[in-house]
Amino acid sequence: MLEKLRSDYDMKTPTRGDSRQAGTLTDDFVDRFAIVGTPDRCIERLRALAALGLDKVAISGGTRGTLAEDATVRKRLVAEQVLPGMRG
């Protein structure tokens, strides 16, 4: 997977959700190396990482190429559900 990702990588579109490299990533790869899914699933994954001692994460919003409405919903879910869920 990493070799394919490297060979498909387009430096002109590094963070675009509709880039060639984004299309290379399989669901299994994303599930293993990212935190995605419902707010409950994201909270579960973040709590598991916190239990391992991780105390900082970077949360990205919608990538370029994402519909603005989708990015707005994602940001709202993180702010209203995921972050408060980490406190509880």
C-alpha atoms as a PDB file:
ATOM      1  CA  MET A   1       0.000   0.000   0.000  1.00  0.00           C
ATOM      2  CA  LEU A   2       2.746   2.480   0.889  1.00  0.00           C
ATOM      3  CA  GLU A   3       4.638   1.790  -2.333  1.00  0.00           C
ATOM      4  CA  LYS A   4       1.471   2.345  -4.365  1.00  0.00           C
ATOM      5  CA  LEU A   5       0.717   5.508  -2.423  1.00  0.00           C
ATOM      6  CA  ARG A   6       4.205   6.815  -3.129  1.00  0.00           C
ATOM      7  CA  SER A   7       4.021   6.010  -6.841  1.00  0.00           C
ATOM      8  CA  ASP A   8       0.550   7.597  -7.159  1.00  0.00           C
ATOM      9  CA  TYR A   9       1.392  10.696  -5.110  1.00  0.00           C
ATOM     10  CA  ASP A  10       0.796  14.019  -6.862  1.00  0.00           C
ATOM     11  CA  MET A  11       2.687  16.853  -5.169  1.00  0.00           C
ATOM     12  CA  LYS A  12       0.361  19.390  -6.824  1.00  0.00           C
ATOM     13  CA  THR A  13      -2.630  18.070  -4.850  1.00  0.00           C
ATOM     14  CA  PRO A  14      -1.207  16.997  -1.471  1.00  0.00           C
ATOM     15  CA  THR A  15      -4.268  17.552   0.715  1.00  0.00           C
ATOM     16  CA  ARG A  16      -7.142  17.145  -1.714  1.00  0.00           C
ATOM     17  CA  GLY A  17      -9.752  14.524  -0.927  1.00  0.00           C
ATOM     18  CA  ASP A  18     -10.250  14.014  -4.652  1.00  0.00           C
ATOM     19  CA  SER A  19      -6.538  13.553  -5.442  1.00  0.00           C
ATOM     20  CA  ARG A  20      -4.998  10.513  -7.083  1.00  0.00           C
ATOM     21  CA  GLN A  21      -3.271   9.534  -3.823  1.00  0.00           C
ATOM     22  CA  ALA A  22      -6.498   9.793  -1.829  1.00  0.00           C
ATOM     23  CA  GLY A  23      -8.103   7.398  -4.286  1.00  0.00           C
ATOM     24  CA  THR A  24      -5.253   4.945  -3.659  1.00  0.00           C
ATOM     25  CA  LEU A  25      -6.059   4.544   0.044  1.00  0.00           C
ATOM     26  CA  THR A  26      -8.145   1.514   0.935  1.00  0.00           C
ATOM     27  CA  ASP A  27     -10.776   1.517   3.659  1.00  0.00           C
ATOM     28  CA  ASP A  28      -8.584  -0.843   5.718  1.00  0.00           C
ATOM     29  CA  PHE A  29      -5.612   1.520   5.453  1.00  0.00           C
ATOM     30  CA  VAL A  30      -7.709   4.529   6.500  1.00  0.00           C
ATOM     31  CA  ASP A  31      -9.249   2.601   9.400  1.00  0.00           C
ATOM     32  CA  ARG A  32      -5.795   1.618  10.630  1.00  0.00           C
ATOM     33  CA  PHE A  33      -4.012   4.965  10.314  1.00  0.00           C
ATOM     34  CA  ALA A  34      -6.779   7.535  10.763  1.00  0.00           C
ATOM     35  CA  ILE A  35      -9.724   8.184  13.005  1.00  0.00           C
ATOM     36  CA  VAL A  36     -12.871   8.271  10.923  1.00  0.00           C
ATOM     37  CA  GLY A  37     -16.495   7.333  11.340  1.00  0.00           C
ATOM     38  CA  THR A  38     -19.377   8.251  13.571  1.00  0.00           C
ATOM     39  CA  PRO A  39     -18.778  10.512  16.573  1.00  0.00           C
ATOM     40  CA  ASP A  40     -19.051   7.463  18.869  1.00  0.00           C
ATOM     41  CA  ARG A  41     -16.443   5.585  16.817  1.00  0.00           C
ATOM     42  CA  CYS A  42     -14.097   8.581  16.856  1.00  0.00           C
ATOM     43  CA  ILE A  43     -14.472   8.942  20.629  1.00  0.00           C
ATOM     44  CA  GLU A  44     -13.760   5.224  21.067  1.00  0.00           C
ATOM     45  CA  ARG A  45     -10.578   5.436  18.955  1.00  0.00           C
ATOM     46  CA  LEU A  46      -9.384   8.624  20.668  1.00  0.00           C
ATOM     47  CA  ARG A  47      -9.966   7.153  24.129  1.00  0.00           C
ATOM     48  CA  ALA A  48      -8.002   4.032  23.147  1.00  0.00           C
ATOM     49  CA  LEU A  49      -5.079   6.195  22.054  1.00  0.00           C
ATOM     50  CA  ALA A  50      -5.310   8.260  25.243  1.00  0.00           C
ATOM     51  CA  ALA A  51      -5.185   5.036  27.267  1.00  0.00           C
ATOM     52  CA  LEU A  52      -1.885   4.249  25.544  1.00  0.00           C
ATOM     53  CA  GLY A  53      -0.498   7.592  26.735  1.00  0.00           C
ATOM     54  CA  LEU A  54      -1.097   9.787  23.681  1.00  0.00           C
ATOM     55  CA  ASP A  55      -1.977  13.246  24.931  1.00  0.00           C
ATOM     56  CA  LYS A  56      -2.106  15.321  21.728  1.00  0.00           C
ATOM     57  CA  VAL A  57      -3.815  14.836  18.379  1.00  0.00           C
ATOM     58  CA  ALA A  58      -4.316  16.994  15.316  1.00  0.00           C
ATOM     59  CA  ILE A  59      -7.860  17.094  13.999  1.00  0.00           C
ATOM     60  CA  SER A  60      -8.239  18.220  10.426  1.00  0.00           C
ATOM     61  CA  GLY A  61     -11.351  19.625   8.908  1.00  0.00           C
ATOM     62  CA  GLY A  62     -12.586  19.018   5.402  1.00  0.00           C
ATOM     63  CA  THR A  63      -9.864  18.666   2.820  1.00  0.00           C
ATOM     64  CA  ARG A  64      -9.776  20.670  -0.359  1.00  0.00           C
ATOM     65  CA  GLY A  65     -12.087  19.024  -2.839  1.00  0.00           C
ATOM     66  CA  THR A  66     -14.655  18.244  -0.139  1.00  0.00           C
ATOM     67  CA  LEU A  67     -18.116  19.741  -0.439  1.00  0.00           C
ATOM     68  CA  ALA A  68     -18.442  22.766   1.847  1.00  0.00           C
ATOM     69  CA  GLU A  69     -21.662  21.391   3.373  1.00  0.00           C
ATOM     70  CA  ASP A  70     -19.909  18.118   4.282  1.00  0.00           C
ATOM     71  CA  ALA A  71     -16.988  19.953   5.878  1.00  0.00           C
ATOM     72  CA  THR A  72     -19.421  22.087   7.906  1.00  0.00           C
ATOM     73  CA  VAL A  73     -21.234  19.004   9.215  1.00  0.00           C
ATOM     74  CA  ARG A  74     -17.942  17.321  10.140  1.00  0.00           C
ATOM     75  CA  LYS A  75     -16.685  20.372  12.031  1.00  0.00           C
ATOM     76  CA  ARG A  76     -19.988  20.644  13.896  1.00  0.00           C
ATOM     77  CA  LEU A  77     -19.932  16.956  14.883  1.00  0.00           C
ATOM     78  CA  VAL A  78     -16.374  17.251  16.193  1.00  0.00           C
ATOM     79  CA  ALA A  79     -17.182  20.413  18.158  1.00  0.00           C
ATOM     80  CA  GLU A  80     -20.564  19.311  19.501  1.00  0.00           C
ATOM     81  CA  GLN A  81     -20.070  15.581  20.031  1.00  0.00           C
ATOM     82  CA  VAL A  82     -16.509  14.288  19.743  1.00  0.00           C
ATOM     83  CA  LEU A  83     -14.675  16.854  21.873  1.00  0.00           C
ATOM     84  CA  PRO A  84     -17.316  16.889  24.631  1.00  0.00           C
ATOM     85  CA  GLY A  85     -17.350  13.087  24.487  1.00  0.00           C
ATOM     86  CA  MET A  86     -13.650  13.056  25.290  1.00  0.00           C
ATOM     87  CA  ARG A  87     -14.282  14.932  28.522  1.00  0.00           C
ATOM     88  CA  GLY A  88     -16.824  12.437  29.799  1.00  0.00           C
END
